[in-house]
Amino acid sequence: MLASFEIPLLPVAAVRPKVTRWNTYYPGAYGEYLPEARAWVEGHWQDDALSGPLAVRLVFVMPRPKSHFRAGRNAHIVKDGAPQHPHQDIDNLAKGALDVMTGRVYEDDRQVIDLSASKTYGDPGRTVVQVKRADPKADPLTA
């Protein structure tokens, strides 16, 4: 394993940038998350950026909304009809995490040739990251 760490921020799905006449920016929660997460990675990744083909495993942990729980003395019990998994699109969550690590953990996210991601409920919200060398000669259909 080349890298294993947790970004201790609530994961936020990437959105398309807004382009104006004067600048380009990311609106909403992603616009706030991106610089904060990049700053966290910058402050905690002390090694040089990794080079070569990489395999990345991402686990997105998000707290359940209060609306998923019962009321009163049963407020700690999840309702029967509550979703089993977070509703955010996993591809957008992965894009956000990969963007955060680009230029610091690895040179460019084009190096990621093997990506696996999952999402689950849990506290606190965070992104678990594992990075290892990928075998570019391996057949992904038989691995």
Protein backbone atom coordinates (compact mmCIF):
# COMPACT_ATOMS: atom_id res chain seq x y z
CA MET A 1 0.00 0.00 0.00
CA LEU A 2 1.45 3.35 -1.04
CA ALA A 3 -1.08 5.45 0.84
CA SER A 4 -3.88 4.89 3.31
CA PHE A 5 -5.66 7.78 5.01
CA GLU A 6 -9.05 9.30 5.81
CA ILE A 7 -10.16 12.75 4.74
CA PRO A 8 -12.17 13.82 7.83
CA LEU A 9 -14.74 15.90 5.95
CA LEU A 10 -18.28 15.06 4.90
CA PRO A 11 -17.96 13.77 1.29
CA VAL A 12 -19.52 16.05 -1.32
CA ALA A 13 -20.37 15.04 -4.87
CA ALA A 14 -18.63 16.98 -7.64
CA VAL A 15 -20.74 19.35 -9.70
CA ARG A 16 -20.14 20.96 -13.07
CA PRO A 17 -18.26 24.23 -12.84
CA LYS A 18 -20.06 27.49 -13.59
CA VAL A 19 -18.37 29.56 -16.27
CA THR A 20 -18.86 33.30 -16.36
CA ARG A 21 -17.31 36.01 -18.43
CA TRP A 22 -14.73 36.65 -15.75
CA ASN A 23 -14.04 33.33 -14.05
CA THR A 24 -14.90 29.69 -13.49
CA TYR A 25 -16.08 28.40 -10.11
CA TYR A 26 -17.82 25.48 -8.41
CA PRO A 27 -21.16 26.46 -6.85
CA GLY A 28 -22.67 25.38 -3.54
CA ALA A 29 -21.31 22.82 -1.13
CA TYR A 30 -18.73 21.46 -3.59
CA GLY A 31 -17.22 24.93 -3.98
CA GLU A 32 -16.68 25.01 -0.21
CA TYR A 33 -15.58 21.36 0.09
CA LEU A 34 -12.93 21.38 -2.64
CA PRO A 35 -10.51 23.97 -1.17
CA GLU A 36 -11.01 22.66 2.37
CA ALA A 37 -10.33 19.05 1.36
CA ARG A 38 -7.35 20.07 -0.79
CA ALA A 39 -5.91 22.01 2.15
CA TRP A 40 -6.35 18.96 4.40
CA VAL A 41 -4.57 16.68 1.91
CA GLU A 42 -1.84 19.28 1.36
CA GLY A 43 -1.23 19.48 5.11
CA HIS A 44 -1.19 15.73 5.69
CA TRP A 45 0.55 14.32 2.60
CA GLN A 46 4.26 14.79 3.19
CA ASP A 47 5.64 12.60 0.38
CA ASP A 48 6.23 13.49 -3.25
CA ALA A 49 3.38 12.94 -5.69
CA LEU A 50 3.13 9.31 -6.77
CA SER A 51 3.92 8.45 -10.37
CA GLY A 52 2.96 5.57 -12.62
CA PRO A 53 -0.29 3.60 -12.85
CA LEU A 54 -2.31 3.47 -9.63
CA ALA A 55 -5.22 1.58 -8.10
CA VAL A 56 -7.46 3.63 -5.80
CA ARG A 57 -10.07 2.37 -3.34
CA LEU A 58 -12.55 4.93 -1.95
CA VAL A 59 -15.14 4.45 0.78
CA PHE A 60 -17.54 7.34 1.36
CA VAL A 61 -19.03 7.40 4.86
CA MET A 62 -21.97 9.73 5.44
CA PRO A 63 -24.14 10.25 8.51
CA ARG A 64 -27.81 9.34 8.19
CA PRO A 65 -30.21 12.28 7.98
CA LYS A 66 -32.36 12.83 11.08
CA SER A 67 -35.42 12.03 8.95
CA HIS A 68 -34.26 8.39 8.76
CA PHE A 69 -34.81 7.90 12.50
CA ARG A 70 -37.95 7.35 14.56
CA ALA A 71 -39.15 9.95 17.06
CA GLY A 72 -39.25 10.19 20.84
CA ARG A 73 -37.71 7.44 22.95
CA ASN A 74 -37.02 5.45 19.75
CA ALA A 75 -35.06 8.30 18.14
CA HIS A 76 -31.97 6.05 17.96
CA ILE A 77 -33.78 3.43 15.79
CA VAL A 78 -33.71 3.71 12.00
CA LYS A 79 -37.16 3.71 10.37
CA ASP A 80 -38.11 0.55 8.45
CA GLY A 81 -38.46 2.41 5.16
CA ALA A 82 -35.18 4.37 5.41
CA PRO A 83 -32.77 3.91 2.49
CA GLN A 84 -29.99 1.38 2.96
CA HIS A 85 -27.38 3.49 1.15
CA PRO A 86 -26.71 7.22 0.67
CA HIS A 87 -28.45 8.76 -2.33
CA GLN A 88 -25.48 10.67 -3.80
CA ASP A 89 -24.18 9.45 -7.17
CA ILE A 90 -21.05 7.42 -6.49
CA ASP A 91 -19.34 8.57 -9.69
CA ASN A 92 -19.65 12.22 -8.61
CA LEU A 93 -18.38 11.41 -5.12
CA ALA A 94 -15.37 9.61 -6.67
CA LYS A 95 -14.65 12.54 -8.99
CA GLY A 96 -14.55 14.89 -6.03
CA ALA A 97 -12.13 12.68 -4.10
CA LEU A 98 -9.89 12.16 -7.13
CA ASP A 99 -9.83 15.91 -7.83
CA VAL A 100 -8.78 16.62 -4.25
CA MET A 101 -5.74 14.33 -4.50
CA THR A 102 -4.61 15.46 -7.96
CA GLY A 103 -1.29 17.28 -7.89
CA ARG A 104 -0.49 16.21 -4.33
CA VAL A 105 -0.97 12.48 -3.73
CA TYR A 106 -0.43 11.72 -7.41
CA GLU A 107 0.54 13.84 -10.37
CA ASP A 108 -2.71 13.50 -12.32
CA ASP A 109 -5.89 11.47 -11.92
CA ARG A 110 -5.22 9.97 -15.37
CA GLN A 111 -2.77 7.71 -13.53
CA VAL A 112 -5.69 5.94 -11.84
CA ILE A 113 -6.30 2.86 -13.99
CA ASP A 114 -8.11 0.80 -11.35
CA LEU A 115 -10.83 2.46 -9.24
CA SER A 116 -13.25 0.96 -6.77
CA ALA A 117 -15.68 2.94 -4.66
CA SER A 118 -18.46 2.29 -2.19
CA LYS A 119 -20.74 4.41 -0.01
CA THR A 120 -22.25 3.69 3.36
CA TYR A 121 -23.87 5.35 6.33
CA GLY A 122 -21.78 6.00 9.43
CA ASP A 123 -20.45 8.68 11.75
CA PRO A 124 -18.45 10.76 11.35
CA GLY A 125 -18.68 11.64 7.65
CA ARG A 126 -15.36 10.98 5.92
CA THR A 127 -13.65 9.53 2.86
CA VAL A 128 -11.41 6.50 3.36
CA VAL A 129 -8.64 6.37 0.74
CA GLN A 130 -6.25 3.58 -0.18
CA VAL A 131 -3.77 3.90 -3.04
CA LYS A 132 -1.49 1.18 -4.38
CA ARG A 133 0.47 0.42 -7.52
CA ALA A 134 -1.65 -0.97 -10.35
CA ASP A 135 -0.51 -3.65 -12.75
CA PRO A 136 -1.16 -2.16 -16.21
CA LYS A 137 -0.71 -5.59 -17.79
CA ALA A 138 -3.40 -7.26 -15.68
CA ASP A 139 -6.66 -8.11 -17.42
CA PRO A 140 -9.35 -6.30 -15.43
CA LEU A 141 -11.99 -8.72 -16.68
CA THR A 142 -10.28 -11.69 -15.04
CA ALA A 143 -8.81 -10.03 -11.94
